[in-house]
């Protein structure tokens, strides 16, 4: 980290943590919106589950954790949890789209 504010007391520490929490939640929300967009481009449940892409993301964030001084185990756990949640959400959306397409598709 290039710069971390040197707090003078506990309220300042808590204020900085609150600021970071707000930024993290905003970034999670933004990431979720992009995951929703990605779901629209996927044609199969295998694409939704995206094992290869998950591996790529995990390698990238583990490397970033090392570069930025984050706890690599915590980073990996957070990302695995987040990715699992987003995959489940994408799968529900994919299944909903499939069901809707099946109902409205003309007979073959």
C-alpha atoms as a PDB file:
ATOM      1  CA  UNK A   1       0.000   0.000   0.000  1.00  0.00           C
ATOM      2  CA  UNK A   2       1.337   3.373  -0.932  1.00  0.00           C
ATOM      3  CA  UNK A   3      -0.381   5.404   1.762  1.00  0.00           C
ATOM      4  CA  UNK A   4      -2.340   4.516   4.854  1.00  0.00           C
ATOM      5  CA  UNK A   5      -3.621   7.337   7.029  1.00  0.00           C
ATOM      6  CA  UNK A   6      -2.048   7.208  10.485  1.00  0.00           C
ATOM      7  CA  UNK A   7      -5.015   7.420  12.825  1.00  0.00           C
ATOM      8  CA  UNK A   8      -4.667   9.216  16.118  1.00  0.00           C
ATOM      9  CA  UNK A   9      -7.457   7.405  17.976  1.00  0.00           C
ATOM     10  CA  UNK A  10     -10.022   4.611  17.775  1.00  0.00           C
ATOM     11  CA  UNK A  11     -12.825   6.772  16.309  1.00  0.00           C
ATOM     12  CA  UNK A  12     -10.512   7.700  13.411  1.00  0.00           C
ATOM     13  CA  UNK A  13      -9.684   4.021  12.828  1.00  0.00           C
ATOM     14  CA  UNK A  14     -13.381   3.173  12.806  1.00  0.00           C
ATOM     15  CA  UNK A  15     -14.108   6.037  10.448  1.00  0.00           C
ATOM     16  CA  UNK A  16     -11.508   4.748   7.986  1.00  0.00           C
ATOM     17  CA  UNK A  17     -12.890   1.204   8.248  1.00  0.00           C
ATOM     18  CA  UNK A  18     -16.418   2.527   7.615  1.00  0.00           C
ATOM     19  CA  UNK A  19     -15.139   4.405   4.539  1.00  0.00           C
ATOM     20  CA  UNK A  20     -13.518   1.254   3.199  1.00  0.00           C
ATOM     21  CA  UNK A  21     -16.635  -0.831   3.927  1.00  0.00           C
ATOM     22  CA  UNK A  22     -18.736   1.593   1.898  1.00  0.00           C
ATOM     23  CA  UNK A  23     -16.302   1.368  -1.019  1.00  0.00           C
ATOM     24  CA  UNK A  24     -16.183  -2.444  -0.824  1.00  0.00           C
ATOM     25  CA  UNK A  25     -19.971  -2.755  -0.825  1.00  0.00           C
ATOM     26  CA  UNK A  26     -20.226  -0.331  -3.754  1.00  0.00           C
ATOM     27  CA  UNK A  27     -17.668  -2.409  -5.674  1.00  0.00           C
ATOM     28  CA  UNK A  28     -19.536  -5.639  -4.871  1.00  0.00           C
ATOM     29  CA  UNK A  29     -22.718  -4.079  -6.208  1.00  0.00           C
ATOM     30  CA  UNK A  30     -20.921  -2.921  -9.366  1.00  0.00           C
ATOM     31  CA  UNK A  31     -19.339  -6.357  -9.869  1.00  0.00           C
ATOM     32  CA  UNK A  32     -22.768  -7.946  -9.485  1.00  0.00           C
ATOM     33  CA  UNK A  33     -24.166  -5.758 -12.255  1.00  0.00           C
ATOM     34  CA  UNK A  34     -21.414  -6.920 -14.605  1.00  0.00           C
ATOM     35  CA  UNK A  35     -22.056 -10.538 -13.625  1.00  0.00           C
ATOM     36  CA  UNK A  36     -25.714 -10.009 -14.603  1.00  0.00           C
ATOM     37  CA  UNK A  37     -24.593  -8.667 -17.964  1.00  0.00           C
ATOM     38  CA  UNK A  38     -22.272 -11.643 -18.474  1.00  0.00           C
ATOM     39  CA  UNK A  39     -25.136 -14.048 -17.800  1.00  0.00           C
ATOM     40  CA  UNK A  40     -26.977 -12.727 -20.849  1.00  0.00           C
ATOM     41  CA  UNK A  41     -24.112 -13.834 -23.114  1.00  0.00           C
ATOM     42  CA  UNK A  42     -23.844 -17.383 -21.805  1.00  0.00           C
ATOM     43  CA  UNK A  43     -25.473 -20.146 -23.814  1.00  0.00           C
ATOM     44  CA  UNK A  44     -25.053 -23.155 -21.506  1.00  0.00           C
ATOM     45  CA  UNK A  45     -24.960 -24.061 -17.843  1.00  0.00           C
ATOM     46  CA  UNK A  46     -21.300 -25.047 -18.329  1.00  0.00           C
ATOM     47  CA  UNK A  47     -20.544 -21.469 -19.369  1.00  0.00           C
ATOM     48  CA  UNK A  48     -22.362 -20.190 -16.279  1.00  0.00           C
ATOM     49  CA  UNK A  49     -20.335 -22.437 -13.983  1.00  0.00           C
ATOM     50  CA  UNK A  50     -17.176 -21.340 -15.828  1.00  0.00           C
ATOM     51  CA  UNK A  51     -14.557 -23.505 -14.102  1.00  0.00           C
ATOM     52  CA  UNK A  52     -11.750 -22.243 -16.334  1.00  0.00           C
ATOM     53  CA  UNK A  53     -12.727 -18.605 -15.749  1.00  0.00           C
ATOM     54  CA  UNK A  54     -13.003 -19.190 -11.996  1.00  0.00           C
ATOM     55  CA  UNK A  55      -9.471 -20.599 -12.000  1.00  0.00           C
ATOM     56  CA  UNK A  56      -8.218 -17.552 -13.925  1.00  0.00           C
ATOM     57  CA  UNK A  57      -9.863 -15.137 -11.484  1.00  0.00           C
ATOM     58  CA  UNK A  58      -8.518 -17.007  -8.453  1.00  0.00           C
ATOM     59  CA  UNK A  59      -4.958 -16.992  -9.801  1.00  0.00           C
ATOM     60  CA  UNK A  60      -5.223 -13.286 -10.622  1.00  0.00           C
ATOM     61  CA  UNK A  61      -6.569 -12.235  -7.207  1.00  0.00           C
ATOM     62  CA  UNK A  62      -4.093 -14.418  -5.322  1.00  0.00           C
ATOM     63  CA  UNK A  63      -1.306 -12.671  -7.234  1.00  0.00           C
ATOM     64  CA  UNK A  64      -2.879  -9.287  -6.503  1.00  0.00           C
ATOM     65  CA  UNK A  65      -3.129 -10.153  -2.804  1.00  0.00           C
ATOM     66  CA  UNK A  66       0.611 -10.775  -2.751  1.00  0.00           C
ATOM     67  CA  UNK A  67       1.364  -7.560  -4.626  1.00  0.00           C
ATOM     68  CA  UNK A  68      -0.891  -5.422  -2.437  1.00  0.00           C
ATOM     69  CA  UNK A  69      -0.055  -6.972   0.920  1.00  0.00           C
ATOM     70  CA  UNK A  70      -3.466  -8.555   1.517  1.00  0.00           C
ATOM     71  CA  UNK A  71      -3.843 -11.816   3.391  1.00  0.00           C
ATOM     72  CA  UNK A  72      -3.829 -14.418   0.581  1.00  0.00           C
ATOM     73  CA  UNK A  73      -5.959 -16.940   2.498  1.00  0.00           C
ATOM     74  CA  UNK A  74      -8.600 -14.341   3.381  1.00  0.00           C
ATOM     75  CA  UNK A  75      -8.602 -13.029  -0.187  1.00  0.00           C
ATOM     76  CA  UNK A  76      -9.080 -16.528  -1.606  1.00  0.00           C
ATOM     77  CA  UNK A  77     -11.893 -17.330   0.851  1.00  0.00           C
ATOM     78  CA  UNK A  78     -13.713 -14.071   0.124  1.00  0.00           C
ATOM     79  CA  UNK A  79     -13.431 -14.603  -3.623  1.00  0.00           C
ATOM     80  CA  UNK A  80     -14.539 -18.237  -3.478  1.00  0.00           C
ATOM     81  CA  UNK A  81     -17.600 -17.201  -1.477  1.00  0.00           C
ATOM     82  CA  UNK A  82     -18.358 -14.268  -3.771  1.00  0.00           C
ATOM     83  CA  UNK A  83     -17.892 -16.319  -6.947  1.00  0.00           C
ATOM     84  CA  UNK A  84     -20.067 -19.146  -5.599  1.00  0.00           C
ATOM     85  CA  UNK A  85     -22.824 -16.649  -4.845  1.00  0.00           C
ATOM     86  CA  UNK A  86     -22.601 -15.033  -8.276  1.00  0.00           C
ATOM     87  CA  UNK A  87     -22.557 -18.406 -10.049  1.00  0.00           C
ATOM     88  CA  UNK A  88     -25.696 -19.474  -8.164  1.00  0.00           C
ATOM     89  CA  UNK A  89     -27.350 -16.167  -9.076  1.00  0.00           C
ATOM     90  CA  UNK A  90     -26.339 -16.518 -12.729  1.00  0.00           C
ATOM     91  CA  UNK A  91     -27.597 -20.098 -12.797  1.00  0.00           C
ATOM     92  CA  UNK A  92     -31.012 -19.031 -11.486  1.00  0.00           C
ATOM     93  CA  UNK A  93     -31.167 -16.332 -14.170  1.00  0.00           C
ATOM     94  CA  UNK A  94     -30.004 -18.783 -16.857  1.00  0.00           C
ATOM     95  CA  UNK A  95     -32.642 -21.338 -15.827  1.00  0.00           C
ATOM     96  CA  UNK A  96     -35.314 -18.616 -15.760  1.00  0.00           C
ATOM     97  CA  UNK A  97     -34.341 -17.535 -19.292  1.00  0.00           C
ATOM     98  CA  UNK A  98     -34.330 -21.134 -20.492  1.00  0.00           C
ATOM     99  CA  UNK A  99     -37.796 -21.730 -19.028  1.00  0.00           C
ATOM    100  CA  UNK A 100     -39.115 -18.514 -20.572  1.00  0.00           C
ATOM    101  CA  UNK A 101     -37.625 -19.360 -23.970  1.00  0.00           C
ATOM    102  CA  UNK A 102     -39.112 -22.848 -23.774  1.00  0.00           C
ATOM    103  CA  UNK A 103     -42.583 -21.437 -23.127  1.00  0.00           C
ATOM    104  CA  UNK A 104     -42.462 -18.842 -25.882  1.00  0.00           C
ATOM    105  CA  UNK A 105     -40.514 -20.769 -28.508  1.00  0.00           C
ATOM    106  CA  UNK A 106     -42.586 -21.930 -31.482  1.00  0.00           C
ATOM    107  CA  UNK A 107     -42.953 -25.685 -31.857  1.00  0.00           C
ATOM    108  CA  UNK A 108     -40.351 -27.378 -34.046  1.00  0.00           C
END
